[in-house]
């Protein structure tokens, strides 16, 4: 790794590690937002397809530019939200909802 200006290789590695950790935190925060908004939509009785559309719209309204359909679907699938009976199990108390927290701007 080349030295950039006055930064040593060790400092550059530390900066890279911090940036990587920050990106992971931001990715997890976004996933929490997607799941929370989606859970709220489902709990109000909206069907899954409409809940996906409204989740995407809500996230775009609070300035999440990467809230595309594909990204929202990928996050919902990864969290298990699109599995059959997921929300029924959640209502029975077998799973915990992330809908309890409000989305942050």
Protein backbone atom coordinates (compact mmCIF):
# COMPACT_ATOMS: atom_id res chain seq x y z
CA UNK A 1 0.00 0.00 0.00
CA UNK A 2 1.44 3.36 -0.97
CA UNK A 3 1.72 6.17 1.49
CA UNK A 4 -0.77 8.95 0.78
CA UNK A 5 0.60 12.31 1.83
CA UNK A 6 1.64 12.18 5.46
CA UNK A 7 -0.30 9.02 6.34
CA UNK A 8 1.58 5.84 7.10
CA UNK A 9 0.48 2.41 5.88
CA UNK A 10 -0.77 1.56 9.37
CA UNK A 11 -2.88 4.71 9.50
CA UNK A 12 -4.32 3.96 6.05
CA UNK A 13 -5.21 0.42 7.16
CA UNK A 14 -6.93 1.81 10.27
CA UNK A 15 -8.88 4.30 8.16
CA UNK A 16 -9.92 1.55 5.74
CA UNK A 17 -11.04 -0.67 8.64
CA UNK A 18 -13.09 2.14 10.18
CA UNK A 19 -14.72 2.92 6.81
CA UNK A 20 -15.58 -0.77 6.35
CA UNK A 21 -17.12 -0.95 9.83
CA UNK A 22 -19.12 2.22 9.18
CA UNK A 23 -20.46 0.81 5.89
CA UNK A 24 -21.54 -2.37 7.70
CA UNK A 25 -23.33 -0.36 10.38
CA UNK A 26 -25.08 1.75 7.74
CA UNK A 27 -26.11 -1.39 5.86
CA UNK A 28 -27.54 -2.93 9.04
CA UNK A 29 -29.35 0.32 9.91
CA UNK A 30 -30.90 0.39 6.44
CA UNK A 31 -31.99 -3.24 6.79
CA UNK A 32 -33.59 -2.40 10.15
CA UNK A 33 -35.42 0.54 8.57
CA UNK A 34 -36.71 -1.62 5.69
CA UNK A 35 -37.94 -4.33 8.05
CA UNK A 36 -39.47 -1.87 10.50
CA UNK A 37 -41.45 0.01 7.87
CA UNK A 38 -42.53 -3.22 6.17
CA UNK A 39 -43.68 -4.71 9.50
CA UNK A 40 -45.75 -1.61 10.22
CA UNK A 41 -47.42 -1.88 6.82
CA UNK A 42 -48.24 -5.57 7.31
CA UNK A 43 -49.54 -4.97 10.84
CA UNK A 44 -52.04 -2.45 9.46
CA UNK A 45 -53.43 -5.14 7.18
CA UNK A 46 -51.85 -4.20 3.86
CA UNK A 47 -51.00 -7.14 1.59
CA UNK A 48 -47.33 -7.97 0.96
CA UNK A 49 -47.05 -6.51 -2.55
CA UNK A 50 -48.58 -3.19 -1.54
CA UNK A 51 -46.49 -3.16 1.66
CA UNK A 52 -43.34 -3.55 -0.43
CA UNK A 53 -44.34 -0.61 -2.65
CA UNK A 54 -45.25 1.58 0.32
CA UNK A 55 -42.06 0.62 2.17
CA UNK A 56 -39.99 1.71 -0.80
CA UNK A 57 -41.94 4.96 -1.10
CA UNK A 58 -41.61 5.71 2.62
CA UNK A 59 -37.86 5.14 2.58
CA UNK A 60 -37.42 7.33 -0.49
CA UNK A 61 -39.46 10.05 1.24
CA UNK A 62 -36.96 10.11 4.10
CA UNK A 63 -34.03 10.37 1.68
CA UNK A 64 -32.78 6.81 1.31
CA UNK A 65 -31.65 7.07 -2.32
CA UNK A 66 -30.71 3.40 -2.49
CA UNK A 67 -34.25 2.25 -1.60
CA UNK A 68 -34.81 0.60 -4.96
CA UNK A 69 -37.26 -2.25 -5.43
CA UNK A 70 -34.44 -4.78 -5.78
CA UNK A 71 -32.63 -3.61 -2.65
CA UNK A 72 -35.82 -3.55 -0.56
CA UNK A 73 -36.79 -7.06 -1.74
CA UNK A 74 -33.27 -8.38 -1.07
CA UNK A 75 -33.35 -7.02 2.49
CA UNK A 76 -36.82 -8.42 3.16
CA UNK A 77 -35.81 -11.83 1.80
CA UNK A 78 -32.59 -11.86 3.82
CA UNK A 79 -34.54 -11.11 7.00
CA UNK A 80 -37.15 -13.80 6.27
CA UNK A 81 -40.01 -11.30 5.99
CA UNK A 82 -41.24 -12.78 2.69
CA UNK A 83 -41.45 -16.33 4.00
CA UNK A 84 -44.83 -17.93 4.31
CA UNK A 85 -46.37 -17.46 7.79
CA UNK A 86 -43.60 -15.12 8.99
CA UNK A 87 -46.01 -12.42 10.17
CA UNK A 88 -48.46 -14.95 11.63
CA UNK A 89 -45.65 -16.27 13.81
CA UNK A 90 -44.75 -12.70 14.71
CA UNK A 91 -48.34 -11.99 15.80
CA UNK A 92 -48.30 -15.16 17.93
CA UNK A 93 -45.23 -13.84 19.73
CA UNK A 94 -42.85 -16.45 18.32
CA UNK A 95 -40.84 -13.76 16.49
CA UNK A 96 -39.94 -10.21 17.39
CA UNK A 97 -41.02 -7.31 15.18
CA UNK A 98 -38.71 -4.44 14.37
CA UNK A 99 -41.75 -2.20 13.86
CA UNK A 100 -41.56 -0.86 17.39
CA UNK A 101 -39.04 1.77 16.47
CA UNK A 102 -39.70 4.73 14.28
CA UNK A 103 -37.63 5.32 11.16
CA UNK A 104 -34.88 7.86 11.56
CA UNK A 105 -34.42 10.62 9.02
